[in-house]
Amino acid sequence: MVSVVMQDDYYCDQTHLPPEVRPQQNYDHPQAFEWSLLVQHIQALRNGEAIEMPEYDFTLHNRSNRTIPVKPAPVIVIEGLFALYDSDLCDMMSLKIYVDTASDIRFIRRMQRDITERGRSVESVVSQYLETVRPMHKQFIEPTKRNADIIIPHGANGPAVDMITTKVASVIDQLKRP
C-alpha cells in the first residue's frame, strides 16, 4: 500500500568521470541529483505506472547497473534530505514532512553509516562534513522547512508518528471513496 522512493538513488550518473575524481564531487548540493528523472518517476507512480528506480552504489560513487522495481501505491513516500527542495516535487505531495534533527545527532548517524556501510574513514567523513555537508545543509536543506506541512522536532517521536499515521490513513480513506 506504500511505494518508497529513495532520493539518494537519483544522484546523477558519474560514468563520465574517472573513478578517482568521483569522491571529490559535492554530493550535498542540489545539482548532484537528476531531478527530471525523479519527477518523471513520481509522476508515473501517481499515474499508476510501475518504475525502475536507479540504484546508487555509494562505494563506487556512481549508479550501479541494477534498478529497483517500484510498484504504484496509494501512498508514495519520497525519502531524502532534499525531498522538499524541488517545487515540482512539492506540488505533487499531499503531505510534506520535515524531520528536524540536531546537527550533532545528524553527524553521528552519518559517521556511523559511512564507516559501517560505505567503508569510509573517520577522516574522510569529518572532512566531507566540514567542507560540504554542513554548509550545504545550512544553504539548501534547512530552508526547505518552510515547504513542510509538518515539522517533526528532535527526529521521529511517538506522538509525531501517530499523528502522521492518522493523516496518511485519512488520505487513503479519501482515495477509496468514489
Protein backbone atom coordinates (compact mmCIF):
# COMPACT_ATOMS: atom_id res chain seq x y z
CA MET A 1 0.00 0.00 0.00
CA VAL A 2 3.08 2.24 0.12
CA SER A 3 5.74 2.94 -2.52
CA VAL A 4 9.06 4.24 -1.26
CA VAL A 5 11.36 6.26 -3.50
CA MET A 6 14.83 6.90 -2.13
CA GLN A 7 16.12 10.24 -3.35
CA ASP A 8 19.75 9.13 -2.92
CA ASP A 9 19.24 6.66 -5.76
CA TYR A 10 18.75 9.64 -8.07
CA TYR A 11 22.27 11.01 -7.77
CA CYS A 12 23.45 11.88 -11.27
CA ASP A 13 25.26 9.23 -13.23
CA GLN A 14 29.03 9.75 -12.84
CA THR A 15 30.21 7.36 -15.57
CA HIS A 16 31.78 10.25 -17.47
CA LEU A 17 34.14 10.93 -14.55
CA PRO A 18 37.21 8.85 -13.72
CA PRO A 19 36.68 6.77 -10.55
CA GLU A 20 39.33 8.72 -8.63
CA VAL A 21 37.53 12.04 -9.32
CA ARG A 22 34.04 10.88 -8.28
CA PRO A 23 34.64 11.05 -4.50
CA GLN A 24 35.65 14.71 -4.88
CA GLN A 25 32.21 15.76 -6.17
CA ASN A 26 29.83 17.72 -3.94
CA TYR A 27 27.06 15.20 -3.30
CA ASP A 28 25.38 17.56 -0.84
CA HIS A 29 24.39 20.15 -3.47
CA PRO A 30 21.02 20.04 -5.26
CA GLN A 31 22.81 19.80 -8.61
CA ALA A 32 24.06 16.34 -7.60
CA PHE A 33 20.60 14.90 -8.36
CA GLU A 34 18.84 14.04 -11.60
CA TRP A 35 15.67 15.94 -10.72
CA SER A 36 13.98 15.42 -14.07
CA LEU A 37 14.11 11.63 -13.73
CA LEU A 38 12.90 11.75 -10.12
CA VAL A 39 9.95 13.98 -11.06
CA GLN A 40 9.16 11.76 -14.06
CA HIS A 41 9.19 8.66 -11.86
CA ILE A 42 6.96 10.20 -9.17
CA GLN A 43 4.51 11.32 -11.85
CA ALA A 44 4.48 7.79 -13.32
CA LEU A 45 3.77 6.28 -9.89
CA ARG A 46 0.97 8.79 -9.35
CA ASN A 47 -0.46 7.71 -12.71
CA GLY A 48 -0.48 4.07 -11.61
CA GLU A 49 2.62 3.04 -13.56
CA ALA A 50 5.50 0.98 -12.17
CA ILE A 51 9.01 2.39 -12.41
CA GLU A 52 12.56 1.09 -12.46
CA MET A 53 14.29 3.24 -9.85
CA PRO A 54 18.04 3.60 -10.38
CA GLU A 55 20.25 2.04 -7.73
CA TYR A 56 23.14 4.14 -6.48
CA ASP A 57 26.35 2.44 -5.30
CA PHE A 58 27.98 4.64 -2.67
CA THR A 59 31.20 2.64 -2.68
CA LEU A 60 31.67 3.39 -6.41
CA HIS A 61 30.22 6.93 -6.25
CA ASN A 62 28.06 6.04 -9.22
CA ARG A 63 24.85 4.33 -10.21
CA SER A 64 25.02 0.57 -10.42
CA ASN A 65 23.82 -1.31 -13.49
CA ARG A 66 20.83 -2.56 -11.49
CA THR A 67 17.47 -0.92 -10.97
CA ILE A 68 14.87 -1.37 -8.25
CA PRO A 69 11.30 -2.09 -9.38
CA VAL A 70 8.77 0.13 -7.59
CA LYS A 71 5.07 -0.52 -7.99
CA PRO A 72 2.47 2.23 -7.72
CA ALA A 73 0.54 2.55 -4.47
CA PRO A 74 -1.94 4.96 -2.89
CA VAL A 75 0.86 6.36 -0.71
CA ILE A 76 4.20 7.37 -2.19
CA VAL A 77 6.98 8.23 0.26
CA ILE A 78 9.89 10.27 -1.07
CA GLU A 79 12.73 9.81 1.38
CA GLY A 80 15.74 12.12 1.28
CA LEU A 81 17.35 15.26 2.61
CA PHE A 82 16.32 17.26 -0.46
CA ALA A 83 12.78 15.82 -0.68
CA LEU A 84 11.26 19.27 -0.08
CA TYR A 85 13.70 21.19 -2.26
CA ASP A 86 12.20 20.84 -5.74
CA SER A 87 9.00 22.81 -6.35
CA ASP A 88 7.72 20.32 -8.96
CA LEU A 89 8.01 17.50 -6.42
CA CYS A 90 6.43 19.57 -3.66
CA ASP A 91 3.49 20.38 -5.93
CA MET A 92 2.78 16.63 -6.25
CA MET A 93 2.85 15.98 -2.49
CA SER A 94 -0.25 15.70 -0.33
CA LEU A 95 1.73 15.87 2.89
CA LYS A 96 5.20 17.36 3.30
CA ILE A 97 7.16 16.39 6.40
CA TYR A 98 10.46 17.84 7.59
CA VAL A 99 12.24 15.84 10.28
CA ASP A 100 14.32 18.31 12.27
CA THR A 101 17.22 16.56 13.97
CA ALA A 102 20.03 18.21 15.92
CA SER A 103 23.26 18.66 13.96
CA ASP A 104 25.33 16.55 16.37
CA ILE A 105 22.90 13.64 16.01
CA ARG A 106 22.92 14.00 12.20
CA PHE A 107 26.73 13.98 12.23
CA ILE A 108 26.97 10.90 14.47
CA ARG A 109 24.46 8.99 12.31
CA ARG A 110 26.37 9.95 9.15
CA MET A 111 29.67 8.93 10.71
CA GLN A 112 28.33 5.54 11.76
CA ARG A 113 26.65 4.89 8.41
CA ASP A 114 29.55 5.99 6.23
CA ILE A 115 32.11 3.95 8.15
CA THR A 116 29.96 0.83 8.52
CA GLU A 117 28.04 0.73 5.25
CA ARG A 118 30.27 2.67 2.88
CA GLY A 119 33.74 1.72 4.05
CA ARG A 120 34.89 5.29 4.66
CA SER A 121 37.48 6.51 7.13
CA VAL A 122 36.75 8.81 10.07
CA GLU A 123 38.97 11.47 8.49
CA SER A 124 37.11 11.39 5.17
CA VAL A 125 33.71 11.65 6.88
CA VAL A 126 34.82 14.58 9.04
CA SER A 127 36.42 16.35 6.08
CA GLN A 128 33.32 15.94 3.91
CA TYR A 129 31.07 17.09 6.74
CA LEU A 130 33.03 20.29 7.29
CA GLU A 131 33.60 21.06 3.59
CA THR A 132 30.22 20.26 2.05
CA VAL A 133 27.64 18.59 4.28
CA ARG A 134 27.35 21.30 6.95
CA PRO A 135 27.45 24.34 4.62
CA MET A 136 25.06 22.74 2.10
CA HIS A 137 22.65 21.83 4.89
CA LYS A 138 22.56 25.44 6.04
CA GLN A 139 22.23 26.80 2.50
CA PHE A 140 19.82 24.34 0.91
CA ILE A 141 18.22 21.85 3.30
CA GLU A 142 17.42 23.94 6.39
CA PRO A 143 15.41 26.46 4.29
CA THR A 144 13.15 23.68 2.96
CA LYS A 145 11.43 23.66 6.36
CA ARG A 146 9.22 26.43 5.02
CA ASN A 147 7.85 23.99 2.41
CA ALA A 148 6.76 21.49 5.09
CA ASP A 149 3.23 20.96 6.31
CA ILE A 150 4.60 19.31 9.43
CA ILE A 151 7.94 19.78 11.16
CA ILE A 152 8.86 16.95 13.50
CA PRO A 153 11.28 18.23 16.16
CA HIS A 154 14.04 16.05 17.58
CA GLY A 155 13.69 13.36 14.96
CA ALA A 156 10.95 10.76 14.88
CA ASN A 157 8.97 10.54 18.10
CA GLY A 158 5.90 8.55 19.14
CA PRO A 159 3.26 11.28 19.06
CA ALA A 160 4.51 12.63 15.73
CA VAL A 161 4.48 9.16 14.15
CA ASP A 162 0.95 8.58 15.48
CA MET A 163 -0.22 11.90 14.01
CA ILE A 164 1.32 11.14 10.62
CA THR A 165 -0.11 7.62 10.60
CA THR A 166 -3.57 9.03 11.28
CA LYS A 167 -3.19 11.60 8.48
CA VAL A 168 -1.96 9.01 5.96
CA ALA A 169 -4.84 6.67 6.87
CA SER A 170 -7.25 9.56 6.32
CA VAL A 171 -5.77 10.27 2.88
CA ILE A 172 -6.04 6.59 1.94
CA ASP A 173 -9.68 6.52 3.09
CA GLN A 174 -10.44 9.57 0.93
CA LEU A 175 -8.85 7.87 -2.08
CA LYS A 176 -11.06 4.81 -1.60
CA ARG A 177 -14.26 6.87 -1.69
CA PRO A 178 -16.00 7.27 -5.06
